[in-house]
Protein backbone atom coordinates (compact mmCIF):
# COMPACT_ATOMS: atom_id res chain seq x y z
CA UNK A 1 36.38 -29.54 70.36
CA UNK A 2 32.61 -29.12 70.59
CA UNK A 3 30.53 -31.27 72.96
CA UNK A 4 26.78 -31.47 72.50
CA UNK A 5 24.10 -32.41 75.01
CA UNK A 6 20.92 -34.48 74.82
CA UNK A 7 18.48 -33.55 77.61
CA UNK A 8 16.66 -36.53 79.11
CA UNK A 9 14.22 -35.03 81.64
CA UNK A 10 11.23 -35.57 79.35
CA UNK A 11 11.95 -39.29 79.02
CA UNK A 12 14.71 -41.27 80.70
CA UNK A 13 15.30 -39.02 83.71
CA UNK A 14 11.69 -39.14 84.82
CA UNK A 15 11.41 -42.78 83.77
CA UNK A 16 14.33 -43.62 86.04
CA UNK A 17 13.23 -41.54 89.03
CA UNK A 18 9.43 -41.56 88.97
CA UNK A 19 8.63 -44.57 86.74
CA UNK A 20 7.62 -42.33 83.79
CA UNK A 21 4.76 -40.65 85.62
CA UNK A 22 5.40 -37.10 84.34
CA UNK A 23 2.19 -35.89 82.64
CA UNK A 24 2.36 -33.66 79.59
CA UNK A 25 0.45 -30.89 81.37
CA UNK A 26 3.19 -30.62 84.01
CA UNK A 27 6.01 -29.89 81.57
CA UNK A 28 4.18 -28.19 78.68
CA UNK A 29 4.77 -24.62 79.99
CA UNK A 30 8.57 -25.03 79.99
CA UNK A 31 8.92 -26.52 76.50
CA UNK A 32 9.50 -23.19 74.78
CA UNK A 33 12.43 -22.52 77.12
CA UNK A 34 13.86 -25.97 76.45
CA UNK A 35 13.69 -25.15 72.75
CA UNK A 36 15.96 -22.12 73.41
CA UNK A 37 18.56 -23.85 75.57
CA UNK A 38 20.86 -25.02 72.77
CA UNK A 39 20.47 -28.77 73.21
CA UNK A 40 21.58 -31.17 70.51
CA UNK A 41 18.29 -32.98 71.07
CA UNK A 42 15.46 -33.53 73.54
CA UNK A 43 14.91 -37.17 74.36
CA UNK A 44 11.18 -37.03 74.87
CA UNK A 45 9.47 -40.17 73.58
CA UNK A 46 9.80 -43.91 73.31
CA UNK A 47 11.08 -46.11 76.09
CA UNK A 48 8.33 -46.51 78.68
CA UNK A 49 6.56 -43.21 77.89
CA UNK A 50 4.15 -44.91 75.49
CA UNK A 51 3.08 -47.55 78.00
CA UNK A 52 2.84 -45.05 80.85
CA UNK A 53 0.71 -42.58 78.86
CA UNK A 54 -1.93 -45.22 78.16
CA UNK A 55 -1.71 -47.18 81.38
CA UNK A 56 -1.33 -44.47 84.02
CA UNK A 57 -1.59 -40.93 82.63
CA UNK A 58 -4.73 -41.18 80.50
CA UNK A 59 -2.88 -39.55 77.61
CA UNK A 60 -2.57 -40.25 73.92
CA UNK A 61 1.21 -40.74 73.42
CA UNK A 62 0.95 -39.54 69.82
CA UNK A 63 -0.76 -36.32 70.87
CA UNK A 64 1.92 -35.86 73.52
CA UNK A 65 4.58 -36.05 70.80
CA UNK A 66 2.71 -33.62 68.54
CA UNK A 67 2.42 -31.18 71.44
CA UNK A 68 6.16 -31.29 72.11
CA UNK A 69 6.89 -30.88 68.40
CA UNK A 70 4.69 -27.80 68.13
CA UNK A 71 6.34 -26.20 71.17
CA UNK A 72 9.92 -27.05 70.12
CA UNK A 73 10.30 -26.23 66.41
CA UNK A 74 14.05 -25.51 66.65
CA UNK A 75 15.36 -28.54 68.53
CA UNK A 76 15.65 -32.12 67.35
CA UNK A 77 13.28 -34.51 69.07
CA UNK A 78 14.63 -37.95 69.91
CA UNK A 79 13.04 -41.24 70.84
CA UNK A 80 14.25 -44.63 72.05
CA UNK A 81 13.11 -47.67 70.05
CA UNK A 82 13.70 -51.29 71.01
CA UNK A 83 14.21 -52.54 67.46
CA UNK A 84 11.82 -55.36 66.61
CA UNK A 85 10.25 -54.97 70.10
CA UNK A 86 9.27 -51.37 69.28
CA UNK A 87 7.99 -50.06 72.65
CA UNK A 88 6.40 -53.28 73.83
CA UNK A 89 7.69 -56.52 75.27
CA UNK A 90 7.65 -58.92 72.33
CA UNK A 91 8.70 -58.97 68.69
CA UNK A 92 6.36 -57.47 66.11
CA UNK A 93 6.05 -58.20 62.36
CA UNK A 94 8.07 -56.11 59.94
CA UNK A 95 5.03 -54.26 58.55
CA UNK A 96 4.19 -53.04 62.07
CA UNK A 97 7.79 -51.97 62.71
CA UNK A 98 7.89 -50.00 59.46
CA UNK A 99 4.54 -48.35 60.10
CA UNK A 100 5.56 -47.40 63.64
CA UNK A 101 8.80 -45.81 62.47
CA UNK A 102 7.01 -43.97 59.66
CA UNK A 103 4.36 -42.56 61.99
CA UNK A 104 6.93 -41.59 64.62
CA UNK A 105 8.77 -39.47 62.05
CA UNK A 106 5.53 -38.08 60.63
CA UNK A 107 4.42 -36.96 64.10
CA UNK A 108 7.65 -35.14 64.87
CA UNK A 109 10.60 -37.40 65.70
CA UNK A 110 13.96 -36.42 64.17
CA UNK A 111 16.34 -38.96 65.78
CA UNK A 112 15.51 -42.58 66.51
CA UNK A 113 17.94 -44.34 68.82
CA UNK A 114 17.54 -48.02 68.00
CA UNK A 115 18.83 -50.92 70.06
CA UNK A 116 18.29 -54.61 70.63
CA UNK A 117 18.34 -55.93 74.17
CA UNK A 118 20.62 -58.81 73.17
CA UNK A 119 22.78 -56.80 70.74
CA UNK A 120 21.43 -59.15 68.06
CA UNK A 121 21.73 -56.92 65.01
CA UNK A 122 19.15 -58.92 63.05
CA UNK A 123 16.58 -57.31 65.32
CA UNK A 124 17.31 -53.68 64.40
CA UNK A 125 17.88 -53.89 60.65
CA UNK A 126 14.25 -53.23 59.63
CA UNK A 127 13.83 -50.28 61.99
CA UNK A 128 17.12 -48.76 60.81
CA UNK A 129 16.17 -49.22 57.17
CA UNK A 130 12.76 -47.56 57.61
CA UNK A 131 14.22 -44.69 59.65
CA UNK A 132 16.63 -43.91 56.83
CA UNK A 133 13.89 -44.19 54.21
CA UNK A 134 11.80 -41.66 56.16
CA UNK A 135 14.65 -39.15 56.24
CA UNK A 136 15.22 -39.33 59.99
CA UNK A 137 18.51 -39.86 61.80
CA UNK A 138 19.13 -43.51 62.70
CA UNK A 139 21.32 -43.79 65.78
CA UNK A 140 22.40 -47.35 66.48
CA UNK A 141 22.83 -48.17 70.16
CA UNK A 142 24.97 -50.94 71.57
CA UNK A 143 23.97 -52.10 75.04
CA UNK A 144 26.96 -51.95 77.36
CA UNK A 145 27.28 -54.60 80.01
CA UNK A 146 29.96 -56.64 81.73
CA UNK A 147 30.11 -60.41 81.86
CA UNK A 148 32.49 -63.25 81.04
CA UNK A 149 31.41 -63.05 77.38
CA UNK A 150 31.36 -59.28 76.75
CA UNK A 151 34.59 -57.60 75.60
CA UNK A 152 35.88 -54.50 73.82
CA UNK A 153 36.28 -56.48 70.59
CA UNK A 154 32.70 -57.75 70.85
CA UNK A 155 31.33 -54.21 71.18
CA UNK A 156 33.44 -52.96 68.27
CA UNK A 157 32.06 -55.82 66.16
CA UNK A 158 28.49 -54.73 66.99
CA UNK A 159 29.33 -51.12 66.08
CA UNK A 160 30.76 -52.18 62.72
CA UNK A 161 27.62 -54.16 61.97
CA UNK A 162 25.51 -51.09 62.70
CA UNK A 163 27.74 -48.89 60.55
CA UNK A 164 27.34 -51.37 57.68
CA UNK A 165 23.55 -50.97 58.05
CA UNK A 166 23.89 -47.23 57.47
CA UNK A 167 23.32 -45.76 60.93
CA UNK A 168 24.37 -42.11 61.20
CA UNK A 169 25.70 -42.23 64.76
CA UNK A 170 26.50 -44.86 67.36
CA UNK A 171 25.41 -44.63 70.97
CA UNK A 172 27.03 -46.50 73.85
CA UNK A 173 24.02 -47.29 76.01
CA UNK A 174 25.08 -47.89 79.62
CA UNK A 175 21.64 -48.39 81.11
CA UNK A 176 22.80 -49.36 84.62
CA UNK A 177 25.56 -46.79 85.15
CA UNK A 178 28.19 -49.51 85.47
CA UNK A 179 30.63 -48.28 82.81
CA UNK A 180 33.74 -46.98 84.53
CA UNK A 181 35.77 -44.02 83.25
CA UNK A 182 38.55 -46.18 81.82
CA UNK A 183 36.05 -48.50 80.13
CA UNK A 184 34.34 -45.46 78.60
CA UNK A 185 37.62 -43.98 77.40
CA UNK A 186 38.78 -47.28 75.89
CA UNK A 187 35.46 -48.02 74.20
CA UNK A 188 34.96 -44.55 72.73
CA UNK A 189 38.56 -44.55 71.48
CA UNK A 190 38.14 -48.00 69.92
CA UNK A 191 34.89 -46.96 68.22
CA UNK A 192 36.44 -43.75 66.90
CA UNK A 193 39.23 -45.79 65.37
CA UNK A 194 36.84 -48.38 63.89
CA UNK A 195 33.89 -46.39 62.49
CA UNK A 196 33.72 -42.90 61.01
CA UNK A 197 30.57 -41.84 62.84
CA UNK A 198 29.67 -39.50 65.71
CA UNK A 199 29.73 -41.27 69.08
CA UNK A 200 27.04 -40.64 71.69
CA UNK A 201 27.39 -41.78 75.31
CA UNK A 202 24.45 -42.57 77.56
CA UNK A 203 24.90 -43.54 81.19
CA UNK A 204 23.21 -43.24 84.58
CA UNK A 205 24.41 -41.97 87.92
CA UNK A 206 23.25 -45.06 89.82
CA UNK A 207 26.73 -46.06 90.97
CA UNK A 208 28.12 -42.53 91.18
CA UNK A 209 30.38 -43.11 88.18
CA UNK A 210 28.32 -41.07 85.71
CA UNK A 211 30.05 -37.66 85.66
CA UNK A 212 33.58 -39.14 85.65
CA UNK A 213 32.61 -41.59 82.96
CA UNK A 214 31.17 -38.87 80.71
CA UNK A 215 34.23 -36.62 81.13
CA UNK A 216 36.56 -39.48 80.14
CA UNK A 217 34.28 -40.36 77.22
CA UNK A 218 34.54 -36.78 75.97
CA UNK A 219 38.33 -36.85 76.39
CA UNK A 220 38.34 -39.94 74.13
CA UNK A 221 36.34 -38.11 71.48
CA UNK A 222 32.64 -38.56 72.30
CA UNK A 223 30.56 -36.05 70.34
CA UNK A 224 27.29 -36.06 72.33
CA UNK A 225 26.48 -36.94 75.95
CA UNK A 226 23.12 -37.57 77.64
CA UNK A 227 22.41 -35.51 80.77
CA UNK A 228 19.41 -34.46 82.87
CA UNK A 229 18.54 -31.02 84.20
CA UNK A 230 19.89 -30.98 87.75
CA UNK A 231 16.61 -31.22 89.70
CA UNK A 232 15.88 -34.49 87.91
CA UNK A 233 19.47 -35.75 87.79
CA UNK A 234 21.52 -38.08 89.95
CA UNK A 235 20.60 -41.38 91.51
CA UNK A 236 19.21 -43.70 88.88
CA UNK A 237 18.86 -40.79 86.44
CA UNK A 238 21.60 -39.17 84.32
CA UNK A 239 24.36 -36.84 85.57
CA UNK A 240 23.37 -33.16 85.76
CA UNK A 241 23.34 -31.10 82.58
CA UNK A 242 24.54 -27.90 84.25
CA UNK A 243 27.38 -29.65 86.10
CA UNK A 244 28.79 -31.30 82.97
CA UNK A 245 28.36 -28.13 80.92
CA UNK A 246 30.28 -26.16 83.56
CA UNK A 247 33.05 -28.73 83.95
CA UNK A 248 33.60 -29.33 80.24
CA UNK A 249 33.52 -25.61 79.50
CA UNK A 250 36.15 -25.07 82.15
CA UNK A 251 38.25 -27.79 80.52
CA UNK A 252 38.25 -25.90 77.24
CA UNK A 253 35.51 -27.68 75.33
CA UNK A 254 32.98 -25.72 73.31
CA UNK A 255 29.57 -25.99 75.01
CA UNK A 256 26.72 -24.13 73.29
CA UNK A 257 24.16 -24.35 76.10
CA UNK A 258 22.65 -21.14 77.51
CA UNK A 259 23.28 -21.06 81.29
CA UNK A 260 20.43 -18.66 81.98
CA UNK A 261 17.93 -20.80 80.13
CA UNK A 262 19.18 -23.91 81.92
CA UNK A 263 18.50 -22.15 85.24
CA UNK A 264 15.00 -21.28 84.07
CA UNK A 265 14.38 -24.91 83.16
CA UNK A 266 15.76 -26.22 86.43
CA UNK A 267 13.79 -23.71 88.51
CA UNK A 268 10.65 -24.91 86.74
CA UNK A 269 11.25 -28.58 87.53
CA UNK A 270 12.27 -28.07 91.19
CA UNK A 271 8.71 -27.79 92.58
CA UNK A 272 7.64 -30.77 90.47
CA UNK A 273 10.36 -32.82 92.13
CA UNK A 274 9.25 -31.57 95.56
CA UNK A 275 5.66 -32.60 94.83
CA UNK A 276 6.79 -36.06 93.75
CA UNK A 277 8.83 -36.46 96.94
CA UNK A 278 5.90 -35.46 99.13
CA UNK A 279 3.49 -37.79 97.32
CA UNK A 280 5.91 -40.72 97.52
CA UNK A 281 6.11 -41.02 93.73
CA UNK A 282 9.81 -40.19 94.00
CA UNK A 283 11.41 -42.64 96.42
CA UNK A 284 14.65 -41.72 98.24
CA UNK A 285 15.80 -45.25 97.37
CA UNK A 286 16.37 -44.25 93.73
CA UNK A 287 18.04 -40.92 94.52
CA UNK A 288 21.17 -42.15 96.28
CA UNK A 289 24.37 -43.79 95.11
CA UNK A 290 24.15 -47.57 94.96
CA UNK A 291 27.56 -49.15 94.36
CA UNK A 292 26.08 -52.64 94.67
CA UNK A 293 24.72 -52.02 91.17
CA UNK A 294 28.24 -52.73 89.93
CA UNK A 295 27.42 -56.32 90.88
CA UNK A 296 23.73 -56.69 90.05
CA UNK A 297 23.67 -54.21 87.11
CA UNK A 298 20.09 -53.01 87.62
CA UNK A 299 19.16 -50.01 85.41
CA UNK A 300 17.40 -47.02 86.92
CA UNK A 301 13.98 -47.68 85.44
CA UNK A 302 14.19 -51.31 86.48
CA UNK A 303 15.10 -50.41 90.07
CA UNK A 304 12.24 -47.92 90.43
CA UNK A 305 9.82 -50.52 89.06
CA UNK A 306 11.19 -53.23 91.37
CA UNK A 307 10.67 -50.93 94.34
CA UNK A 308 7.11 -50.19 93.18
CA UNK A 309 6.27 -53.88 92.60
CA UNK A 310 7.66 -55.07 95.93
CA UNK A 311 5.95 -52.22 97.76
CA UNK A 312 2.61 -53.20 96.19
CA UNK A 313 3.15 -56.79 97.38
CA UNK A 314 4.18 -55.58 100.84
CA UNK A 315 7.58 -57.21 100.29
CA UNK A 316 9.94 -54.24 99.99
CA UNK A 317 11.98 -55.72 102.83
CA UNK A 318 13.05 -58.47 100.44
CA UNK A 319 14.57 -56.09 97.87
CA UNK A 320 18.13 -57.15 98.78
CA UNK A 321 17.24 -60.80 98.17
CA UNK A 322 15.79 -59.95 94.77
CA UNK A 323 18.87 -57.89 93.83
CA UNK A 324 21.11 -60.81 94.81
CA UNK A 325 19.03 -63.19 92.70
CA UNK A 326 19.16 -61.04 89.55
CA UNK A 327 22.79 -61.87 88.57
CA UNK A 328 22.06 -65.58 89.04
CA UNK A 329 19.04 -65.45 86.74
CA UNK A 330 21.04 -63.42 84.23
CA UNK A 331 23.83 -66.03 84.19
CA UNK A 332 21.26 -68.82 83.69
CA UNK A 333 19.91 -66.96 80.65
CA UNK A 334 23.27 -66.47 78.93
CA UNK A 335 24.17 -63.01 80.30
CA UNK A 336 21.67 -60.79 78.46
CA UNK A 337 22.27 -57.06 79.03
CA UNK A 338 19.77 -55.76 81.57
CA UNK A 339 17.86 -53.38 79.36
CA UNK A 340 14.16 -53.32 78.42
CA UNK A 341 12.58 -55.78 77.86
CA UNK A 342 15.24 -58.12 79.29
CA UNK A 343 15.64 -56.09 82.49
CA UNK A 344 11.93 -56.41 83.27
CA UNK A 345 11.92 -60.10 82.39
CA UNK A 346 14.95 -60.91 84.53
CA UNK A 347 13.68 -58.70 87.36
CA UNK A 348 10.24 -60.31 87.38
CA UNK A 349 11.77 -63.79 87.32
CA UNK A 350 14.17 -62.98 90.15
CA UNK A 351 11.26 -61.60 92.18
CA UNK A 352 9.20 -64.72 91.49
CA UNK A 353 12.09 -66.96 92.53
CA UNK A 354 12.52 -65.11 95.83
CA UNK A 355 8.85 -64.77 96.75
CA UNK A 356 8.03 -68.38 95.82
CA UNK A 357 10.99 -69.69 97.81
CA UNK A 358 11.88 -71.94 94.87
CA UNK A 359 13.79 -71.03 91.72
CA UNK A 360 11.77 -71.22 88.49
CA UNK A 361 8.67 -72.59 90.21
CA UNK A 362 6.75 -69.82 88.45
CA UNK A 363 8.04 -68.78 85.03
CA UNK A 364 6.65 -65.93 82.92
CA UNK A 365 5.56 -66.46 79.34
CA UNK A 366 8.22 -63.91 78.29
CA UNK A 367 11.03 -66.00 79.77
CA UNK A 368 9.66 -69.06 77.97
CA UNK A 369 9.60 -67.07 74.72
CA UNK A 370 13.18 -65.92 75.31
CA UNK A 371 14.36 -69.49 75.83
CA UNK A 372 12.59 -70.50 72.61
CA UNK A 373 14.62 -67.89 70.72
CA UNK A 374 11.78 -65.45 70.07
CA UNK A 375 13.85 -62.49 71.27
CA UNK A 376 16.94 -63.40 69.30
CA UNK A 377 20.17 -65.19 70.05
CA UNK A 378 21.28 -65.24 73.69
CA UNK A 379 24.68 -63.55 74.06
CA UNK A 380 26.14 -66.62 75.80
CA UNK A 381 25.24 -70.23 76.57
CA UNK A 382 21.95 -70.72 78.43
CA UNK A 383 22.02 -72.98 81.50
CA UNK A 384 20.89 -76.30 79.95
CA UNK A 385 19.30 -77.52 83.18
CA UNK A 386 17.18 -74.40 83.53
CA UNK A 387 16.18 -74.58 79.88
CA UNK A 388 15.17 -78.22 80.15
CA UNK A 389 13.24 -77.59 83.37
CA UNK A 390 11.21 -74.86 81.68
CA UNK A 391 10.84 -76.07 78.08
CA UNK A 392 11.63 -79.77 78.21
CA UNK A 393 13.02 -81.02 74.89
CA UNK A 394 11.50 -78.25 72.74
CA UNK A 395 13.97 -77.16 70.03
CA UNK A 396 14.93 -73.45 69.96
CA UNK A 397 14.39 -71.12 66.99
CA UNK A 398 17.68 -70.46 65.21
CA UNK A 399 16.67 -67.92 62.56
CA UNK A 400 15.30 -64.38 62.82
CA UNK A 401 12.01 -64.74 64.67
CA UNK A 402 10.32 -61.84 62.87
CA UNK A 403 10.63 -63.80 59.62
CA UNK A 404 8.11 -66.27 61.06
CA UNK A 405 5.51 -63.61 61.87
CA UNK A 406 2.60 -62.78 59.59
CA UNK A 407 1.90 -59.12 58.76
CA UNK A 408 -0.06 -57.65 61.64
CA UNK A 409 -1.17 -54.08 60.99
CA UNK A 410 -4.28 -54.65 58.87
CA UNK A 411 -5.46 -57.52 61.09
CA UNK A 412 -5.17 -55.31 64.17
CA UNK A 413 -6.96 -52.47 62.38
CA UNK A 414 -9.90 -54.75 61.62
CA UNK A 415 -9.90 -56.11 65.17
CA UNK A 416 -10.07 -52.76 66.96
CA UNK A 417 -12.54 -51.37 64.42
CA UNK A 418 -14.05 -47.88 64.78
CA UNK A 419 -12.58 -47.37 68.26
CA UNK A 420 -9.35 -46.52 66.44
CA UNK A 421 -9.55 -43.09 64.83
CA UNK A 422 -6.18 -43.24 63.06
CA UNK A 423 -3.27 -45.46 62.09
CA UNK A 424 -1.53 -44.17 65.20
CA UNK A 425 -4.38 -45.56 67.32
CA UNK A 426 -3.96 -48.95 65.65
CA UNK A 427 -0.27 -48.91 66.54
CA UNK A 428 -1.13 -48.06 70.14
CA UNK A 429 -3.51 -51.01 70.17
CA UNK A 430 -0.88 -53.36 68.74
CA UNK A 431 1.67 -52.32 71.36
CA UNK A 432 -0.66 -52.37 74.39
CA UNK A 433 -4.05 -53.88 73.45
CA UNK A 434 -5.87 -53.74 76.80
CA UNK A 435 -4.55 -50.32 77.81
CA UNK A 436 -5.19 -48.77 74.40
CA UNK A 437 -8.71 -50.14 74.13
CA UNK A 438 -9.55 -48.82 77.61
CA UNK A 439 -8.14 -45.41 76.64
CA UNK A 440 -10.16 -45.36 73.40
CA UNK A 441 -13.35 -46.22 75.29
CA UNK A 442 -12.77 -43.37 77.76
CA UNK A 443 -12.00 -41.02 74.88
CA UNK A 444 -15.24 -41.97 73.17
CA UNK A 445 -17.18 -41.35 76.38
CA UNK A 446 -15.55 -37.94 76.81
CA UNK A 447 -16.29 -36.98 73.22
CA UNK A 448 -19.90 -38.16 73.50
CA UNK A 449 -20.35 -36.20 76.71
CA UNK A 450 -18.79 -33.07 75.19
CA UNK A 451 -20.98 -33.35 72.09
CA UNK A 452 -24.11 -33.89 74.17
CA UNK A 453 -23.26 -30.89 76.35
CA UNK A 454 -22.67 -28.65 73.32
CA UNK A 455 -26.05 -29.70 71.83
CA UNK A 456 -27.78 -28.80 75.08
CA UNK A 457 -26.05 -25.42 75.14
CA UNK A 458 -27.25 -24.69 71.59
CA UNK A 459 -30.81 -25.75 72.48
CA UNK A 460 -30.77 -23.44 75.49
């Protein structure tokens, strides 16, 4: 049996370890080698990369994608899309979702992994439909979690709904590394028996379960696994690519990765990791094994962001209190899986509860929107006392929230005006208005300066 590998260092591995602060310039020289390694795909875009490019790296995320595409003509490029949330933290109108998917494919994406944070399938149907129309591979992802209301049958039901939509593969997305080896084996086996589609397994090494879980998933029939090149593996990242390739090859599975190229890739990223350790960007806290995550279920990217937020507020010593509060907030909200944007929302609320010394004294607008039903249907019953405390007697939305939204692309295009040089710029503005506008202003200043300098050179 053949096992294929998706490499995550360009997206989820660095998102989990260094809060997505890996600039394009740092990895551009190794892209041609990554294109020769024999990967099934390179996960390189989506998730938090879009936000980080605009907010922290002073990069155009679309140009980043085009650069990767040009350097990797032989390997499929993959992105992570949050369904109706796209790459932001709220639901967007259908015209925006369709335009975003279309432009992602046009700029180089081959595989779009699409999920909804609540496993509410109404929230991925438009993105899946547009992905298929654009000739890309739609991979439906179910968010794995454990709670009193999540079961094997419930996950199989979600997978069948995705298959009915026409997805071409199904990914088990274990964002917190809490899926044990037996759970992985049972779930992959159940999915293989229920849907005739390739099964992809994504996990993290947060709890130390990752490598065992992936091996058992492969034994149950998983077709593709997500791994990270070893220097950016482990901790809150994915299990190591080289380790899994070696182990599975030894077990008799066909692995088409080139060992020599993998070493070249890893040797390239080693000094980058060392630099990040010295600068403090890479915290030892996210590199170890944290078995408490089996209780609080915090994904890697969420943990690195929590550490960063508490450090900025000089409250890192209260991290354990925040981690203990997270499961309580999650239960109050009906046990949503802790994946973006729900992980950030629950994490921020738990932090607010701890730092304020009073639960729900300060409530974010996102939590209010969630309780109104703007993110979809909560997986389980919401604590009625918490809901009443925050929203009073306001009635929740019962239908698909996106059906209530007016088309948004043309309005945003008119609003940003000439600062936007393309439809891609408009989409950046829709996703992150303040950050995109600031980036566009800086870009204009750079272009004006460059033009002025070139005129002076000609005059000289």
